[in-house]
Amino acid sequence: MSVSDNDIFASKPFTFIVQGKPLYVHAALISSCSEPLDRMINGHLSEAQQGFALLEDVDEDTFVRFTRWMYSKDYSTPEHTIAIAEPSNPESAPEATVVDEDLDDWGSFTTKKKKKKVIKEKVGKGNLKESFISQDPLSSEIVWIPGARSNKSPQEDYTEVFLSHARLYVFAEKYDIQPLKKLCLQKLQHTLAIFTLYPERVGDVTTLLKYVYANTADSGEGKEDIRTMLAHYVGCEMEVLEKNGEIRELMLDDGEMLGDFLRMFALRVS
């Protein structure tokens, strides 16, 4: 439903109680974004009669992001946090001992301590990660999205960054706000595409998976949704994820999650 700016700012504010705090939004604007919320404001429900609605299924930060999106068609995410790593002593780390193939004067092998070289593997074109990075199922509907920040070190915790997209996606799905739902999906995909999955940060991803599978339903085979996108991402990063026991436990405990990943692996093989 389209609505003019004049109609929006001439409409009375409607009050939503979120986590005990009243938040005010122009009634015409929120009615134009969501039919379920429109019925809540203008229908025959008790909320319309009393002039406010109690939302118990959303946190304040998520609702504020939703409100910001209604006015600007974009939303921001929280900053990453810094995880406190356990202190380590680099000097106590043993050097790698490499056997030299040259024989000494006594006819035996000598051993020399050499520094271990670290070889960084480049991501080649055409592989799964490249496919995930270039994946843009919604590009025809969303023209521009502000760039996300990539992580710089294993201590940067992106759990809340990921969850802010997922929580807003769940809210948009519940109240049938399709443009917002699509934006959340694309922004989360873009953030994951530039995210370096250090072994220390596997928990950021497993927490995201737990939340998504606990709060969304299977939308049907062939449909692009947050579960499909995450299954693709897990396939790209399985080399890192499989070394963590938590991801295996998640798959064994959640049959729907396991099914999504198996379908993704079947496509990968084919």
Protein backbone atom coordinates (compact mmCIF):
# COMPACT_ATOMS: atom_id res chain seq x y z
CA MET A 1 0.00 0.00 0.00
CA SER A 2 1.50 3.36 -1.06
CA VAL A 3 0.98 6.42 1.10
CA SER A 4 2.07 10.01 0.60
CA ASP A 5 4.40 11.87 2.94
CA ASN A 6 1.57 14.28 3.75
CA ASP A 7 -0.66 11.41 4.84
CA ILE A 8 2.12 9.91 6.93
CA PHE A 9 2.99 13.04 8.89
CA ALA A 10 -0.66 14.04 9.25
CA SER A 11 -1.53 10.72 10.86
CA LYS A 12 -1.64 10.25 14.60
CA PRO A 13 1.21 8.32 16.23
CA PHE A 14 0.39 4.81 17.37
CA THR A 15 2.02 3.44 20.50
CA PHE A 16 3.79 0.10 20.69
CA ILE A 17 4.91 -1.19 24.08
CA VAL A 18 8.18 -3.05 23.57
CA GLN A 19 10.00 -4.48 26.59
CA GLY A 20 7.95 -2.18 28.78
CA LYS A 21 8.89 0.97 26.86
CA PRO A 22 6.42 3.00 24.74
CA LEU A 23 7.60 3.61 21.17
CA TYR A 24 5.65 5.88 18.82
CA VAL A 25 5.23 5.48 15.05
CA HIS A 26 3.05 7.33 12.54
CA ALA A 27 -0.01 5.13 12.11
CA ALA A 28 -0.34 5.67 8.35
CA LEU A 29 3.27 4.67 7.75
CA ILE A 30 3.17 1.42 9.68
CA SER A 31 -0.22 0.55 8.17
CA SER A 32 1.25 0.92 4.68
CA CYS A 33 4.09 -1.51 5.46
CA SER A 34 2.26 -4.46 6.98
CA GLU A 35 -1.27 -5.81 6.69
CA PRO A 36 -1.12 -7.61 10.08
CA LEU A 37 0.01 -4.40 11.78
CA ASP A 38 -2.58 -2.41 9.84
CA ARG A 39 -5.32 -4.66 11.23
CA MET A 40 -3.87 -4.13 14.69
CA ILE A 41 -4.07 -0.35 14.29
CA ASN A 42 -7.24 0.11 12.22
CA GLY A 43 -9.17 -3.12 12.62
CA HIS A 44 -11.55 -4.45 15.24
CA LEU A 45 -8.86 -5.82 17.53
CA SER A 46 -8.53 -4.56 21.08
CA GLU A 47 -5.29 -2.75 20.19
CA ALA A 48 -7.15 -0.48 17.77
CA GLN A 49 -9.72 0.39 20.42
CA GLN A 50 -7.22 1.18 23.17
CA GLY A 51 -4.71 2.98 20.95
CA PHE A 52 -1.65 0.92 21.78
CA ALA A 53 -0.28 -2.57 21.21
CA LEU A 54 1.89 -4.74 23.41
CA LEU A 55 4.53 -6.55 21.35
CA GLU A 56 6.04 -9.38 23.36
CA ASP A 57 7.77 -11.11 20.46
CA VAL A 58 10.37 -8.47 19.64
CA ASP A 59 13.14 -6.63 21.48
CA GLU A 60 13.52 -2.86 21.53
CA ASP A 61 16.59 -2.72 19.27
CA THR A 62 14.91 -4.80 16.57
CA PHE A 63 11.74 -2.69 16.63
CA VAL A 64 13.82 0.52 16.42
CA ARG A 65 15.61 -0.91 13.36
CA PHE A 66 12.22 -1.67 11.84
CA THR A 67 11.07 1.89 12.54
CA ARG A 68 14.24 3.32 11.03
CA TRP A 69 13.72 1.18 7.93
CA MET A 70 10.15 2.46 7.50
CA TYR A 71 11.35 6.06 7.34
CA SER A 72 14.64 5.58 5.45
CA LYS A 73 14.39 2.15 3.78
CA ASP A 74 17.58 1.09 5.53
CA TYR A 75 18.73 0.08 9.02
CA SER A 76 21.99 -0.12 10.91
CA THR A 77 23.55 -2.96 12.88
CA PRO A 78 25.39 -2.91 16.21
CA GLU A 79 29.16 -2.73 16.34
CA HIS A 80 31.11 -5.93 16.79
CA THR A 81 32.52 -6.66 20.23
CA ILE A 82 36.03 -7.68 21.21
CA ALA A 83 36.34 -11.13 22.72
CA ILE A 84 38.95 -11.36 25.47
CA ALA A 85 41.42 -14.04 24.49
CA GLU A 86 43.32 -16.10 27.03
CA PRO A 87 46.86 -14.78 27.50
CA SER A 88 49.50 -16.71 25.65
CA ASN A 89 53.27 -16.69 25.71
CA PRO A 90 54.65 -16.72 22.15
CA GLU A 91 58.14 -17.46 23.44
CA SER A 92 56.98 -20.73 24.97
CA ALA A 93 55.66 -22.05 21.66
CA PRO A 94 57.98 -24.78 20.37
CA GLU A 95 59.65 -24.30 17.01
CA ALA A 96 59.04 -26.86 14.32
CA THR A 97 61.91 -29.32 13.99
CA VAL A 98 62.69 -30.25 10.39
CA VAL A 99 64.99 -33.13 9.43
CA ASP A 100 67.72 -32.08 7.00
CA GLU A 101 68.36 -34.62 4.29
CA ASP A 102 72.14 -33.94 4.19
CA LEU A 103 74.38 -36.44 6.01
CA ASP A 104 77.04 -35.21 8.38
CA ASP A 105 80.59 -36.53 8.54
CA TRP A 106 79.50 -39.40 10.79
CA GLY A 107 76.98 -40.72 8.24
CA SER A 108 73.90 -39.81 10.30
CA PHE A 109 71.07 -37.34 9.77
CA THR A 110 71.43 -33.94 11.36
CA THR A 111 68.52 -31.94 12.65
CA LYS A 112 68.15 -28.21 12.21
CA LYS A 113 65.51 -25.91 13.56
CA LYS A 114 63.82 -23.97 10.82
CA LYS A 115 61.02 -21.45 10.94
CA LYS A 116 57.72 -22.75 9.74
CA LYS A 117 56.37 -20.95 6.70
CA VAL A 118 52.71 -19.98 6.63
CA ILE A 119 51.15 -20.29 3.21
CA LYS A 120 47.90 -18.47 2.63
CA GLU A 121 45.54 -20.18 0.27
CA LYS A 122 43.95 -17.89 -2.27
CA VAL A 123 40.30 -18.23 -3.06
CA GLY A 124 40.00 -19.28 -6.67
CA LYS A 125 37.24 -18.32 -9.03
CA GLY A 126 34.47 -20.81 -9.50
CA ASN A 127 34.72 -22.40 -6.05
CA LEU A 128 31.94 -22.45 -3.48
CA LYS A 129 33.05 -19.33 -1.62
CA GLU A 130 33.28 -17.37 -4.83
CA SER A 131 29.82 -18.61 -5.72
CA PHE A 132 28.46 -17.48 -2.35
CA ILE A 133 30.11 -14.07 -2.66
CA SER A 134 28.62 -13.50 -6.10
CA GLN A 135 25.21 -14.82 -5.05
CA ASP A 136 22.69 -12.00 -5.31
CA PRO A 137 19.17 -13.41 -5.68
CA LEU A 138 17.51 -10.10 -4.88
CA SER A 139 19.59 -7.76 -7.04
CA SER A 140 16.67 -7.06 -9.36
CA GLU A 141 14.61 -5.71 -6.46
CA ILE A 142 17.22 -3.96 -4.29
CA VAL A 143 19.49 -1.59 -6.16
CA TRP A 144 21.97 -0.43 -3.52
CA ILE A 145 23.06 -1.49 -0.06
CA PRO A 146 25.68 0.27 2.09
CA GLY A 147 28.81 -1.83 2.43
CA ALA A 148 29.30 -3.99 5.48
CA ARG A 149 32.51 -4.00 7.49
CA SER A 150 34.69 -7.08 7.26
CA ASN A 151 36.31 -8.49 10.40
CA LYS A 152 40.01 -7.94 10.95
CA SER A 153 41.04 -10.39 13.67
CA PRO A 154 39.91 -13.53 15.55
CA GLN A 155 39.04 -11.40 18.58
CA GLU A 156 36.25 -9.52 16.77
CA ASP A 157 32.96 -11.11 17.82
CA TYR A 158 30.23 -10.71 15.17
CA THR A 159 27.48 -12.61 16.99
CA GLU A 160 25.27 -9.56 17.58
CA VAL A 161 25.93 -8.24 14.08
CA PHE A 162 24.60 -11.49 12.58
CA LEU A 163 21.70 -11.75 15.02
CA SER A 164 20.56 -8.17 14.38
CA HIS A 165 19.89 -9.10 10.74
CA ALA A 166 18.28 -12.42 11.67
CA ARG A 167 15.99 -10.95 14.36
CA LEU A 168 14.75 -8.27 11.97
CA TYR A 169 14.22 -10.93 9.29
CA VAL A 170 12.10 -12.97 11.72
CA PHE A 171 10.07 -9.88 12.64
CA ALA A 172 9.52 -9.02 8.97
CA GLU A 173 8.47 -12.59 8.21
CA LYS A 174 5.93 -12.66 11.06
CA TYR A 175 4.30 -9.38 10.08
CA ASP A 176 4.54 -9.99 6.31
CA ILE A 177 6.88 -7.12 5.47
CA GLN A 178 8.42 -8.59 2.31
CA PRO A 179 10.71 -5.70 1.25
CA LEU A 180 12.30 -5.61 4.70
CA LYS A 181 12.62 -9.38 4.80
CA LYS A 182 14.46 -9.35 1.47
CA LEU A 183 16.73 -6.53 2.58
CA CYS A 184 17.68 -8.41 5.78
CA LEU A 185 18.49 -11.52 3.76
CA GLN A 186 20.72 -9.65 1.36
CA LYS A 187 22.52 -7.67 4.05
CA LEU A 188 23.22 -10.79 6.10
CA GLN A 189 24.46 -12.63 3.00
CA HIS A 190 26.77 -9.73 2.18
CA THR A 191 28.14 -9.62 5.73
CA LEU A 192 28.84 -13.36 5.73
CA ALA A 193 30.45 -13.16 2.29
CA ILE A 194 33.19 -10.82 3.55
CA PHE A 195 33.47 -12.45 6.98
CA THR A 196 36.71 -14.32 7.67
CA LEU A 197 35.75 -17.44 9.60
CA TYR A 198 38.59 -17.84 12.07
CA PRO A 199 38.35 -21.03 14.18
CA GLU A 200 37.80 -18.79 17.21
CA ARG A 201 34.69 -17.32 15.58
CA VAL A 202 32.83 -20.53 14.72
CA GLY A 203 30.58 -19.86 17.71
CA ASP A 204 29.34 -16.66 16.04
CA VAL A 205 27.99 -18.76 13.17
CA THR A 206 26.57 -21.60 15.28
CA THR A 207 24.69 -19.08 17.44
CA LEU A 208 23.20 -17.60 14.26
CA LEU A 209 22.19 -21.06 13.02
CA LYS A 210 20.54 -21.93 16.33
CA TYR A 211 18.50 -18.75 16.33
CA VAL A 212 17.39 -19.04 12.71
CA TYR A 213 16.28 -22.67 12.93
CA ALA A 214 14.49 -22.03 16.22
CA ASN A 215 12.54 -19.05 14.86
CA THR A 216 11.85 -19.75 11.19
CA ALA A 217 10.03 -22.42 9.22
CA ASP A 218 10.94 -24.20 6.01
CA SER A 219 9.59 -22.07 3.18
CA GLY A 220 9.62 -24.90 0.67
CA GLU A 221 12.19 -26.42 -1.66
CA GLY A 222 13.50 -24.09 -4.33
CA LYS A 223 12.61 -20.90 -2.48
CA GLU A 224 15.39 -18.53 -1.50
CA ASP A 225 15.16 -17.82 2.23
CA ILE A 226 17.48 -17.39 5.17
CA ARG A 227 17.81 -21.13 5.74
CA THR A 228 18.81 -21.78 2.12
CA MET A 229 21.36 -18.99 2.23
CA LEU A 230 22.90 -20.29 5.47
CA ALA A 231 23.08 -23.84 4.13
CA HIS A 232 25.06 -22.49 1.18
CA TYR A 233 27.35 -20.59 3.54
CA VAL A 234 27.98 -23.65 5.71
CA GLY A 235 28.93 -25.59 2.59
CA CYS A 236 31.47 -22.90 1.71
CA GLU A 237 33.02 -22.92 5.18
CA MET A 238 32.68 -26.60 6.04
CA GLU A 239 36.45 -27.07 6.15
CA VAL A 240 36.59 -24.78 9.19
CA LEU A 241 33.21 -25.67 10.69
CA GLU A 242 33.69 -29.45 10.66
CA LYS A 243 36.63 -29.15 13.05
CA ASN A 244 34.25 -27.79 15.68
CA GLY A 245 32.16 -30.37 17.49
CA GLU A 246 29.27 -27.95 18.05
CA ILE A 247 28.25 -27.83 14.39
CA ARG A 248 28.04 -31.63 14.25
CA GLU A 249 25.87 -31.69 17.37
CA LEU A 250 23.58 -29.05 15.85
CA MET A 251 23.01 -31.13 12.74
CA LEU A 252 22.32 -34.28 14.74
CA ASP A 253 19.89 -32.48 17.05
CA ASP A 254 17.99 -30.61 14.33
CA GLY A 255 16.64 -32.79 11.54
CA GLU A 256 15.53 -29.82 9.43
CA MET A 257 18.99 -28.29 9.58
CA LEU A 258 20.60 -31.58 8.61
CA GLY A 259 18.14 -31.99 5.75
CA ASP A 260 18.95 -28.53 4.37
CA PHE A 261 22.68 -29.22 4.48
CA LEU A 262 22.29 -32.63 2.84
CA ARG A 263 20.33 -31.05 -0.03
CA MET A 264 23.03 -28.45 -0.41
CA PHE A 265 25.76 -31.13 -0.47
CA ALA A 266 23.79 -33.07 -3.09
CA LEU A 267 23.77 -30.01 -5.31
CA ARG A 268 27.47 -29.51 -4.58
CA VAL A 269 28.32 -33.03 -5.75
CA SER A 270 26.17 -32.74 -8.87
